[in-house]
Amino acid sequence: RTTGPAKGQDQSDVYQPGVCLALVNKGPGGPVGCNTEHSYEIVGIADL
């Protein structure tokens, strides 16, 4: 699910801080609860 219209949005594949990503074949998957096993936890977003 996404929030806000796609038109005009930055399309960067980023998640909000506090989101944890599933571990799928030794790589990241979709969001899961951080109390479960996961690959990454997003700690912030950097705007280059």
All heavy atoms as atom14 arrays in JSON, in Angstrom:
{
  "sequence": "RTTGPAKGQDQSDVYQPGVCLALVNKGPGGPVGCNTEHSYEIVGIADL",
  "atom14_mask": [
    [1, 1, 1, 1, 1, 1, 1, 1, 1, 1, 1, 0, 0, 0],
    [1, 1, 1, 1, 1, 1, 1, 0, 0, 0, 0, 0, 0, 0],
    [1, 1, 1, 1, 1, 1, 1, 0, 0, 0, 0, 0, 0, 0],
    [1, 1, 1, 1, 0, 0, 0, 0, 0, 0, 0, 0, 0, 0],
    [1, 1, 1, 1, 1, 1, 1, 0, 0, 0, 0, 0, 0, 0],
    [1, 1, 1, 1, 1, 0, 0, 0, 0, 0, 0, 0, 0, 0],
    [1, 1, 1, 1, 1, 1, 1, 1, 1, 0, 0, 0, 0, 0],
    [1, 1, 1, 1, 0, 0, 0, 0, 0, 0, 0, 0, 0, 0],
    [1, 1, 1, 1, 1, 1, 1, 1, 1, 0, 0, 0, 0, 0],
    [1, 1, 1, 1, 1, 1, 1, 1, 0, 0, 0, 0, 0, 0],
    [1, 1, 1, 1, 1, 1, 1, 1, 1, 0, 0, 0, 0, 0],
    [1, 1, 1, 1, 1, 1, 0, 0, 0, 0, 0, 0, 0, 0],
    [1, 1, 1, 1, 1, 1, 1, 1, 0, 0, 0, 0, 0, 0],
    [1, 1, 1, 1, 1, 1, 1, 0, 0, 0, 0, 0, 0, 0],
    [1, 1, 1, 1, 1, 1, 1, 1, 1, 1, 1, 1, 0, 0],
    [1, 1, 1, 1, 1, 1, 1, 1, 1, 0, 0, 0, 0, 0],
    [1, 1, 1, 1, 1, 1, 1, 0, 0, 0, 0, 0, 0, 0],
    [1, 1, 1, 1, 0, 0, 0, 0, 0, 0, 0, 0, 0, 0],
    [1, 1, 1, 1, 1, 1, 1, 0, 0, 0, 0, 0, 0, 0],
    [1, 1, 1, 1, 1, 1, 0, 0, 0, 0, 0, 0, 0, 0],
    [1, 1, 1, 1, 1, 1, 1, 1, 0, 0, 0, 0, 0, 0],
    [1, 1, 1, 1, 1, 0, 0, 0, 0, 0, 0, 0, 0, 0],
    [1, 1, 1, 1, 1, 1, 1, 1, 0, 0, 0, 0, 0, 0],
    [1, 1, 1, 1, 1, 1, 1, 0, 0, 0, 0, 0, 0, 0],
    [1, 1, 1, 1, 1, 1, 1, 1, 0, 0, 0, 0, 0, 0],
    [1, 1, 1, 1, 1, 1, 1, 1, 1, 0, 0, 0, 0, 0],
    [1, 1, 1, 1, 0, 0, 0, 0, 0, 0, 0, 0, 0, 0],
    [1, 1, 1, 1, 1, 1, 1, 0, 0, 0, 0, 0, 0, 0],
    [1, 1, 1, 1, 0, 0, 0, 0, 0, 0, 0, 0, 0, 0],
    [1, 1, 1, 1, 0, 0, 0, 0, 0, 0, 0, 0, 0, 0],
    [1, 1, 1, 1, 1, 1, 1, 0, 0, 0, 0, 0, 0, 0],
    [1, 1, 1, 1, 1, 1, 1, 0, 0, 0, 0, 0, 0, 0],
    [1, 1, 1, 1, 0, 0, 0, 0, 0, 0, 0, 0, 0, 0],
    [1, 1, 1, 1, 1, 1, 0, 0, 0, 0, 0, 0, 0, 0],
    [1, 1, 1, 1, 1, 1, 1, 1, 0, 0, 0, 0, 0, 0],
    [1, 1, 1, 1, 1, 1, 1, 0, 0, 0, 0, 0, 0, 0],
    [1, 1, 1, 1, 1, 1, 1, 1, 1, 0, 0, 0, 0, 0],
    [1, 1, 1, 1, 1, 1, 1, 1, 1, 1, 0, 0, 0, 0],
    [1, 1, 1, 1, 1, 1, 0, 0, 0, 0, 0, 0, 0, 0],
    [1, 1, 1, 1, 1, 1, 1, 1, 1, 1, 1, 1, 0, 0],
    [1, 1, 1, 1, 1, 1, 1, 1, 1, 0, 0, 0, 0, 0],
    [1, 1, 1, 1, 1, 1, 1, 1, 0, 0, 0, 0, 0, 0],
    [1, 1, 1, 1, 1, 1, 1, 0, 0, 0, 0, 0, 0, 0],
    [1, 1, 1, 1, 0, 0, 0, 0, 0, 0, 0, 0, 0, 0],
    [1, 1, 1, 1, 1, 1, 1, 1, 0, 0, 0, 0, 0, 0],
    [1, 1, 1, 1, 1, 0, 0, 0, 0, 0, 0, 0, 0, 0],
    [1, 1, 1, 1, 1, 1, 1, 1, 0, 0, 0, 0, 0, 0],
    [1, 1, 1, 1, 1, 1, 1, 1, 0, 0, 0, 0, 0, 0]
  ],
  "atom14_positions": [
    [[0.85, -1.19, 0.0], [0.0, 0.0, 0.0], [0.89, 1.24, 0.0], [1.93, 1.28, 0.64], [-0.91, 0.01, 1.23], [-1.88, -1.16, 1.23], [-2.84, -1.14, 2.41], [-3.56, -2.4, 2.46], [-4.63, -2.68, 1.72], [-5.11, -1.76, 0.9], [-5.22, -3.86, 1.8], [0.0, 0.0, 0.0], [0.0, 0.0, 0.0], [0.0, 0.0, 0.0]],
    [[0.47, 2.24, -0.75], [1.16, 3.52, -0.75], [0.18, 4.61, -0.33], [-1.03, 4.42, -0.39], [1.74, 3.85, -2.13], [0.68, 3.87, -3.1], [2.78, 2.81, -2.55], [0.0, 0.0, 0.0], [0.0, 0.0, 0.0], [0.0, 0.0, 0.0], [0.0, 0.0, 0.0], [0.0, 0.0, 0.0], [0.0, 0.0, 0.0], [0.0, 0.0, 0.0]],
    [[0.72, 5.72, 0.09], [-0.11, 6.84, 0.54], [0.27, 8.08, -0.25], [1.45, 8.39, -0.42], [0.1, 7.12, 2.04], [-0.22, 5.92, 2.76], [-0.8, 8.24, 2.52], [0.0, 0.0, 0.0], [0.0, 0.0, 0.0], [0.0, 0.0, 0.0], [0.0, 0.0, 0.0], [0.0, 0.0, 0.0], [0.0, 0.0, 0.0], [0.0, 0.0, 0.0]],
    [[-0.74, 8.78, -0.74], [-0.5, 9.96, -1.56], [-0.45, 9.59, -3.03], [-0.11, 8.45, -3.39], [0.0, 0.0, 0.0], [0.0, 0.0, 0.0], [0.0, 0.0, 0.0], [0.0, 0.0, 0.0], [0.0, 0.0, 0.0], [0.0, 0.0, 0.0], [0.0, 0.0, 0.0], [0.0, 0.0, 0.0], [0.0, 0.0, 0.0], [0.0, 0.0, 0.0]],
    [[-0.8, 10.52, -3.91], [-0.78, 10.23, -5.34], [0.64, 10.0, -5.83], [1.59, 10.65, -5.4], [-1.39, 11.49, -5.97], [-1.17, 12.57, -4.96], [-1.23, 11.9, -3.62], [0.0, 0.0, 0.0], [0.0, 0.0, 0.0], [0.0, 0.0, 0.0], [0.0, 0.0, 0.0], [0.0, 0.0, 0.0], [0.0, 0.0, 0.0], [0.0, 0.0, 0.0]],
    [[0.8, 9.04, -6.75], [2.12, 8.76, -7.32], [2.62, 9.94, -8.14], [3.82, 10.23, -8.16], [2.06, 7.51, -8.19], [0.0, 0.0, 0.0], [0.0, 0.0, 0.0], [0.0, 0.0, 0.0], [0.0, 0.0, 0.0], [0.0, 0.0, 0.0], [0.0, 0.0, 0.0], [0.0, 0.0, 0.0], [0.0, 0.0, 0.0], [0.0, 0.0, 0.0]],
    [[1.72, 10.62, -8.79], [2.1, 11.74, -9.65], [2.71, 12.86, -8.81], [2.1, 13.35, -7.87], [0.88, 12.25, -10.4], [1.2, 13.07, -11.63], [-0.06, 13.3, -12.46], [0.27, 13.97, -13.78], [-0.93, 14.11, -14.62], [0.0, 0.0, 0.0], [0.0, 0.0, 0.0], [0.0, 0.0, 0.0], [0.0, 0.0, 0.0], [0.0, 0.0, 0.0]],
    [[3.94, 13.22, -9.13], [4.6, 14.3, -8.41], [5.42, 13.85, -7.21], [6.13, 14.64, -6.6], [0.0, 0.0, 0.0], [0.0, 0.0, 0.0], [0.0, 0.0, 0.0], [0.0, 0.0, 0.0], [0.0, 0.0, 0.0], [0.0, 0.0, 0.0], [0.0, 0.0, 0.0], [0.0, 0.0, 0.0], [0.0, 0.0, 0.0], [0.0, 0.0, 0.0]],
    [[5.33, 12.55, -6.86], [6.09, 12.05, -5.71], [7.51, 11.68, -6.11], [7.77, 11.28, -7.24], [5.43, 10.79, -5.11], [4.36, 11.08, -4.1], [4.13, 9.88, -3.17], [5.08, 9.25, -2.73], [2.87, 9.6, -2.89], [0.0, 0.0, 0.0], [0.0, 0.0, 0.0], [0.0, 0.0, 0.0], [0.0, 0.0, 0.0], [0.0, 0.0, 0.0]],
    [[8.43, 11.82, -5.15], [9.74, 11.21, -5.3], [9.52, 9.7, -5.32], [8.87, 9.15, -4.44], [10.63, 11.62, -4.12], [12.06, 11.14, -4.25], [12.26, 9.94, -4.52], [12.97, 11.94, -4.05], [0.0, 0.0, 0.0], [0.0, 0.0, 0.0], [0.0, 0.0, 0.0], [0.0, 0.0, 0.0], [0.0, 0.0, 0.0], [0.0, 0.0, 0.0]],
    [[10.04, 9.02, -6.32], [9.79, 7.59, -6.48], [10.79, 6.71, -5.74], [10.78, 5.48, -5.89], [9.81, 7.22, -7.97], [8.73, 7.91, -8.79], [8.84, 7.54, -10.26], [8.92, 6.37, -10.63], [8.85, 8.54, -11.12], [0.0, 0.0, 0.0], [0.0, 0.0, 0.0], [0.0, 0.0, 0.0], [0.0, 0.0, 0.0], [0.0, 0.0, 0.0]],
    [[11.66, 7.32, -4.95], [12.68, 6.55, -4.24], [12.06, 5.41, -3.45], [11.03, 5.57, -2.79], [13.46, 7.46, -3.29], [14.03, 8.55, -3.97], [0.0, 0.0, 0.0], [0.0, 0.0, 0.0], [0.0, 0.0, 0.0], [0.0, 0.0, 0.0], [0.0, 0.0, 0.0], [0.0, 0.0, 0.0], [0.0, 0.0, 0.0], [0.0, 0.0, 0.0]],
    [[12.73, 4.26, -3.48], [12.24, 3.06, -2.78], [12.71, 3.11, -1.32], [13.61, 2.39, -0.92], [12.76, 1.81, -3.48], [12.15, 0.53, -2.93], [11.11, 0.62, -2.25], [12.71, -0.55, -3.17], [0.0, 0.0, 0.0], [0.0, 0.0, 0.0], [0.0, 0.0, 0.0], [0.0, 0.0, 0.0], [0.0, 0.0, 0.0], [0.0, 0.0, 0.0]],
    [[12.09, 4.01, -0.56], [12.49, 4.19, 0.84], [11.32, 3.87, 1.77], [10.16, 3.89, 1.37], [12.97, 5.64, 1.1], [14.26, 5.92, 0.35], [11.9, 6.67, 0.73], [0.0, 0.0, 0.0], [0.0, 0.0, 0.0], [0.0, 0.0, 0.0], [0.0, 0.0, 0.0], [0.0, 0.0, 0.0], [0.0, 0.0, 0.0], [0.0, 0.0, 0.0]],
    [[11.67, 3.58, 3.03], [10.69, 3.27, 4.07], [10.9, 4.21, 5.23], [12.0, 4.76, 5.42], [10.87, 1.82, 4.56], [10.68, 0.77, 3.49], [11.76, 0.36, 2.71], [9.45, 0.19, 3.28], [11.59, -0.62, 1.73], [9.27, -0.79, 2.31], [10.36, -1.18, 1.53], [10.2, -2.14, 0.57], [0.0, 0.0, 0.0], [0.0, 0.0, 0.0]],
    [[9.88, 4.38, 6.03], [9.99, 5.25, 7.19], [10.88, 4.62, 8.27], [10.94, 3.39, 8.39], [8.6, 5.53, 7.78], [7.75, 6.41, 6.89], [8.4, 7.75, 6.61], [8.78, 8.48, 7.53], [8.54, 8.1, 5.34], [0.0, 0.0, 0.0], [0.0, 0.0, 0.0], [0.0, 0.0, 0.0], [0.0, 0.0, 0.0], [0.0, 0.0, 0.0]],
    [[11.59, 5.44, 9.06], [12.39, 4.89, 10.16], [11.54, 4.02, 11.07], [10.39, 4.34, 11.37], [12.87, 6.15, 10.89], [12.85, 7.22, 9.85], [11.68, 6.91, 8.96], [0.0, 0.0, 0.0], [0.0, 0.0, 0.0], [0.0, 0.0, 0.0], [0.0, 0.0, 0.0], [0.0, 0.0, 0.0], [0.0, 0.0, 0.0], [0.0, 0.0, 0.0]],
    [[12.12, 2.89, 11.5], [11.4, 1.96, 12.36], [10.81, 0.78, 11.61], [10.34, -0.17, 12.24], [0.0, 0.0, 0.0], [0.0, 0.0, 0.0], [0.0, 0.0, 0.0], [0.0, 0.0, 0.0], [0.0, 0.0, 0.0], [0.0, 0.0, 0.0], [0.0, 0.0, 0.0], [0.0, 0.0, 0.0], [0.0, 0.0, 0.0], [0.0, 0.0, 0.0]],
    [[10.84, 0.83, 10.28], [10.35, -0.3, 9.49], [11.46, -1.35, 9.39], [12.62, -1.03, 9.14], [9.94, 0.15, 8.08], [9.66, -1.05, 7.17], [8.72, 1.05, 8.14], [0.0, 0.0, 0.0], [0.0, 0.0, 0.0], [0.0, 0.0, 0.0], [0.0, 0.0, 0.0], [0.0, 0.0, 0.0], [0.0, 0.0, 0.0], [0.0, 0.0, 0.0]],
    [[11.1, -2.61, 9.61], [12.04, -3.72, 9.43], [11.62, -4.52, 8.2], [10.44, -4.68, 7.92], [12.06, -4.62, 10.67], [12.91, -3.85, 12.08], [0.0, 0.0, 0.0], [0.0, 0.0, 0.0], [0.0, 0.0, 0.0], [0.0, 0.0, 0.0], [0.0, 0.0, 0.0], [0.0, 0.0, 0.0], [0.0, 0.0, 0.0], [0.0, 0.0, 0.0]],
    [[12.62, -5.02, 7.48], [12.38, -5.75, 6.24], [12.67, -7.23, 6.43], [13.67, -7.6, 7.06], [13.26, -5.19, 5.12], [13.1, -3.69, 4.84], [14.03, -3.26, 3.71], [11.65, -3.34, 4.5], [0.0, 0.0, 0.0], [0.0, 0.0, 0.0], [0.0, 0.0, 0.0], [0.0, 0.0, 0.0], [0.0, 0.0, 0.0], [0.0, 0.0, 0.0]],
    [[11.81, -8.05, 5.88], [11.95, -9.51, 6.01], [13.28, -9.97, 5.43], [13.89, -9.3, 4.59], [10.8, -10.21, 5.29], [0.0, 0.0, 0.0], [0.0, 0.0, 0.0], [0.0, 0.0, 0.0], [0.0, 0.0, 0.0], [0.0, 0.0, 0.0], [0.0, 0.0, 0.0], [0.0, 0.0, 0.0], [0.0, 0.0, 0.0], [0.0, 0.0, 0.0]],
    [[13.72, -11.13, 5.89], [14.9, -11.77, 5.33], [14.44, -12.8, 4.31], [13.77, -13.78, 4.66], [15.71, -12.44, 6.44], [17.02, -13.12, 6.01], [18.01, -12.09, 5.47], [17.64, -13.88, 7.19], [0.0, 0.0, 0.0], [0.0, 0.0, 0.0], [0.0, 0.0, 0.0], [0.0, 0.0, 0.0], [0.0, 0.0, 0.0], [0.0, 0.0, 0.0]],
    [[14.78, -12.59, 3.04], [14.36, -13.47, 1.96], [15.59, -13.86, 1.15], [16.2, -13.02, 0.49], [13.33, -12.78, 1.04], [12.91, -13.73, -0.07], [12.12, -12.3, 1.83], [0.0, 0.0, 0.0], [0.0, 0.0, 0.0], [0.0, 0.0, 0.0], [0.0, 0.0, 0.0], [0.0, 0.0, 0.0], [0.0, 0.0, 0.0], [0.0, 0.0, 0.0]],
    [[15.97, -15.13, 1.23], [17.13, -15.63, 0.49], [18.37, -14.76, 0.73], [19.06, -14.35, -0.21], [16.81, -15.7, -1.01], [15.7, -16.68, -1.32], [15.59, -17.72, -0.68], [14.87, -16.36, -2.29], [0.0, 0.0, 0.0], [0.0, 0.0, 0.0], [0.0, 0.0, 0.0], [0.0, 0.0, 0.0], [0.0, 0.0, 0.0], [0.0, 0.0, 0.0]],
    [[18.61, -14.45, 2.0], [19.77, -13.68, 2.43], [19.74, -12.22, 1.96], [20.76, -11.54, 1.95], [21.08, -14.33, 1.97], [21.3, -15.74, 2.5], [22.64, -16.3, 2.05], [22.83, -17.74, 2.54], [24.15, -18.29, 2.12], [0.0, 0.0, 0.0], [0.0, 0.0, 0.0], [0.0, 0.0, 0.0], [0.0, 0.0, 0.0], [0.0, 0.0, 0.0]],
    [[18.55, -11.77, 1.58], [18.39, -10.39, 1.16], [17.12, -9.81, 1.74], [16.35, -10.5, 2.42], [0.0, 0.0, 0.0], [0.0, 0.0, 0.0], [0.0, 0.0, 0.0], [0.0, 0.0, 0.0], [0.0, 0.0, 0.0], [0.0, 0.0, 0.0], [0.0, 0.0, 0.0], [0.0, 0.0, 0.0], [0.0, 0.0, 0.0], [0.0, 0.0, 0.0]],
    [[16.86, -8.51, 1.51], [15.67, -7.87, 2.08], [14.4, -8.18, 1.32], [14.41, -8.34, 0.1], [16.02, -6.38, 1.99], [16.94, -6.28, 0.82], [17.73, -7.55, 0.8], [0.0, 0.0, 0.0], [0.0, 0.0, 0.0], [0.0, 0.0, 0.0], [0.0, 0.0, 0.0], [0.0, 0.0, 0.0], [0.0, 0.0, 0.0], [0.0, 0.0, 0.0]],
    [[13.3, -8.29, 2.07], [11.97, -8.47, 1.5], [11.07, -7.32, 1.89], [11.51, -6.18, 2.01], [0.0, 0.0, 0.0], [0.0, 0.0, 0.0], [0.0, 0.0, 0.0], [0.0, 0.0, 0.0], [0.0, 0.0, 0.0], [0.0, 0.0, 0.0], [0.0, 0.0, 0.0], [0.0, 0.0, 0.0], [0.0, 0.0, 0.0], [0.0, 0.0, 0.0]],
    [[9.8, -7.63, 2.14], [8.84, -6.62, 2.52], [8.83, -6.37, 4.02], [9.48, -7.08, 4.78], [0.0, 0.0, 0.0], [0.0, 0.0, 0.0], [0.0, 0.0, 0.0], [0.0, 0.0, 0.0], [0.0, 0.0, 0.0], [0.0, 0.0, 0.0], [0.0, 0.0, 0.0], [0.0, 0.0, 0.0], [0.0, 0.0, 0.0], [0.0, 0.0, 0.0]],
    [[8.11, -5.34, 4.46], [8.07, -4.99, 5.88], [7.52, -6.11, 6.77], [6.56, -6.79, 6.39], [7.14, -3.76, 5.91], [7.25, -3.18, 4.55], [7.37, -4.37, 3.63], [0.0, 0.0, 0.0], [0.0, 0.0, 0.0], [0.0, 0.0, 0.0], [0.0, 0.0, 0.0], [0.0, 0.0, 0.0], [0.0, 0.0, 0.0], [0.0, 0.0, 0.0]],
    [[8.14, -6.29, 7.93], [7.69, -7.24, 8.95], [7.88, -6.59, 10.31], [8.55, -5.56, 10.43], [8.48, -8.57, 8.9], [8.21, -9.32, 7.6], [9.97, -8.33, 9.09], [0.0, 0.0, 0.0], [0.0, 0.0, 0.0], [0.0, 0.0, 0.0], [0.0, 0.0, 0.0], [0.0, 0.0, 0.0], [0.0, 0.0, 0.0], [0.0, 0.0, 0.0]],
    [[7.32, -7.2, 11.34], [7.53, -6.71, 12.69], [8.99, -6.88, 13.1], [9.61, -7.9, 12.82], [0.0, 0.0, 0.0], [0.0, 0.0, 0.0], [0.0, 0.0, 0.0], [0.0, 0.0, 0.0], [0.0, 0.0, 0.0], [0.0, 0.0, 0.0], [0.0, 0.0, 0.0], [0.0, 0.0, 0.0], [0.0, 0.0, 0.0], [0.0, 0.0, 0.0]],
    [[9.54, -5.88, 13.79], [10.95, -5.93, 14.16], [11.24, -6.99, 15.22], [12.41, -7.36, 15.41], [11.42, -4.56, 14.65], [11.49, -3.31, 13.34], [0.0, 0.0, 0.0], [0.0, 0.0, 0.0], [0.0, 0.0, 0.0], [0.0, 0.0, 0.0], [0.0, 0.0, 0.0], [0.0, 0.0, 0.0], [0.0, 0.0, 0.0], [0.0, 0.0, 0.0]],
    [[10.21, -7.48, 15.92], [10.44, -8.53, 16.91], [10.62, -9.9, 16.26], [11.01, -10.87, 16.91], [9.29, -8.58, 17.92], [7.96, -8.88, 17.25], [7.71, -8.46, 16.12], [7.09, -9.57, 17.95], [0.0, 0.0, 0.0], [0.0, 0.0, 0.0], [0.0, 0.0, 0.0], [0.0, 0.0, 0.0], [0.0, 0.0, 0.0], [0.0, 0.0, 0.0]],
    [[10.33, -9.99, 14.96], [10.57, -11.22, 14.22], [11.92, -11.11, 13.51], [12.49, -10.03, 13.4], [9.48, -11.46, 13.17], [9.51, -10.39, 12.21], [8.1, -11.49, 13.81], [0.0, 0.0, 0.0], [0.0, 0.0, 0.0], [0.0, 0.0, 0.0], [0.0, 0.0, 0.0], [0.0, 0.0, 0.0], [0.0, 0.0, 0.0], [0.0, 0.0, 0.0]],
    [[12.44, -12.25, 13.06], [13.72, -12.21, 12.35], [13.58, -11.36, 11.08], [12.64, -11.52, 10.32], [14.17, -13.63, 12.01], [14.59, -14.43, 13.23], [15.24, -15.76, 12.86], [15.16, -16.15, 11.68], [15.83, -16.39, 13.76], [0.0, 0.0, 0.0], [0.0, 0.0, 0.0], [0.0, 0.0, 0.0], [0.0, 0.0, 0.0], [0.0, 0.0, 0.0]],
    [[14.57, -10.51, 10.87], [14.52, -9.61, 9.72], [15.92, -9.35, 9.19], [16.92, -9.74, 9.8], [13.84, -8.29, 10.1], [14.45, -7.59, 11.26], [14.07, -7.83, 12.57], [15.45, -6.66, 11.34], [14.79, -7.08, 13.4], [15.64, -6.37, 12.67], [0.0, 0.0, 0.0], [0.0, 0.0, 0.0], [0.0, 0.0, 0.0], [0.0, 0.0, 0.0]],
    [[16.01, -8.7, 8.05], [17.3, -8.43, 7.4], [17.82, -7.05, 7.77], [18.96, -6.91, 8.22], [17.15, -8.55, 5.88], [16.19, -7.61, 5.4], [0.0, 0.0, 0.0], [0.0, 0.0, 0.0], [0.0, 0.0, 0.0], [0.0, 0.0, 0.0], [0.0, 0.0, 0.0], [0.0, 0.0, 0.0], [0.0, 0.0, 0.0], [0.0, 0.0, 0.0]],
    [[17.02, -6.05, 7.57], [17.4, -4.66, 7.83], [16.36, -3.99, 8.71], [15.16, -4.29, 8.62], [17.48, -3.85, 6.54], [18.71, -4.05, 5.69], [18.6, -4.25, 4.31], [19.99, -3.98, 6.26], [19.73, -4.41, 3.53], [21.12, -4.13, 5.47], [20.99, -4.35, 4.11], [22.11, -4.5, 3.34], [0.0, 0.0, 0.0], [0.0, 0.0, 0.0]],
    [[16.81, -3.01, 9.48], [15.91, -2.06, 10.13], [16.26, -0.69, 9.58], [17.42, -0.27, 9.56], [16.06, -2.07, 11.64], [15.12, -1.09, 12.33], [15.08, -1.24, 13.84], [15.71, -2.18, 14.36], [14.41, -0.42, 14.5], [0.0, 0.0, 0.0], [0.0, 0.0, 0.0], [0.0, 0.0, 0.0], [0.0, 0.0, 0.0], [0.0, 0.0, 0.0]],
    [[15.25, 0.02, 9.1], [15.45, 1.35, 8.56], [15.59, 2.33, 9.73], [14.7, 2.41, 10.58], [14.28, 1.78, 7.66], [13.99, 0.72, 6.59], [14.57, 3.14, 7.02], [15.14, 0.36, 5.7], [0.0, 0.0, 0.0], [0.0, 0.0, 0.0], [0.0, 0.0, 0.0], [0.0, 0.0, 0.0], [0.0, 0.0, 0.0], [0.0, 0.0, 0.0]],
    [[16.7, 3.03, 9.76], [16.95, 3.97, 10.86], [16.77, 5.42, 10.42], [16.73, 6.33, 11.27], [18.35, 3.77, 11.47], [18.47, 2.37, 12.05], [19.46, 4.02, 10.46], [0.0, 0.0, 0.0], [0.0, 0.0, 0.0], [0.0, 0.0, 0.0], [0.0, 0.0, 0.0], [0.0, 0.0, 0.0], [0.0, 0.0, 0.0], [0.0, 0.0, 0.0]],
    [[16.65, 5.66, 9.14], [16.43, 7.02, 8.66], [16.48, 7.08, 7.15], [16.76, 6.08, 6.47], [0.0, 0.0, 0.0], [0.0, 0.0, 0.0], [0.0, 0.0, 0.0], [0.0, 0.0, 0.0], [0.0, 0.0, 0.0], [0.0, 0.0, 0.0], [0.0, 0.0, 0.0], [0.0, 0.0, 0.0], [0.0, 0.0, 0.0], [0.0, 0.0, 0.0]],
    [[16.21, 8.25, 6.62], [16.23, 8.5, 5.17], [17.19, 9.65, 4.91], [17.14, 10.68, 5.6], [14.83, 8.84, 4.64], [13.88, 7.66, 4.84], [14.88, 9.24, 3.17], [12.43, 8.0, 4.54], [0.0, 0.0, 0.0], [0.0, 0.0, 0.0], [0.0, 0.0, 0.0], [0.0, 0.0, 0.0], [0.0, 0.0, 0.0], [0.0, 0.0, 0.0]],
    [[18.07, 9.48, 3.94], [19.01, 10.53, 3.55], [18.63, 11.04, 2.16], [18.38, 10.26, 1.25], [20.44, 9.99, 3.55], [0.0, 0.0, 0.0], [0.0, 0.0, 0.0], [0.0, 0.0, 0.0], [0.0, 0.0, 0.0], [0.0, 0.0, 0.0], [0.0, 0.0, 0.0], [0.0, 0.0, 0.0], [0.0, 0.0, 0.0], [0.0, 0.0, 0.0]],
    [[18.59, 12.36, 2.01], [18.22, 12.99, 0.74], [19.49, 13.5, 0.07], [20.05, 14.53, 0.44], [17.25, 14.13, 0.99], [16.73, 14.76, -0.3], [17.19, 14.35, -1.39], [15.86, 15.64, -0.22], [0.0, 0.0, 0.0], [0.0, 0.0, 0.0], [0.0, 0.0, 0.0], [0.0, 0.0, 0.0], [0.0, 0.0, 0.0], [0.0, 0.0, 0.0]],
    [[19.96, 12.75, -0.94], [21.17, 13.16, -1.66], [20.93, 14.38, -2.54], [21.88, 15.05, -2.93], [21.68, 11.99, -2.5], [22.38, 10.88, -1.72], [22.6, 9.65, -2.62], [23.7, 11.36, -1.15], [0.0, 0.0, 0.0], [0.0, 0.0, 0.0], [0.0, 0.0, 0.0], [0.0, 0.0, 0.0], [0.0, 0.0, 0.0], [0.0, 0.0, 0.0]]
  ]
}
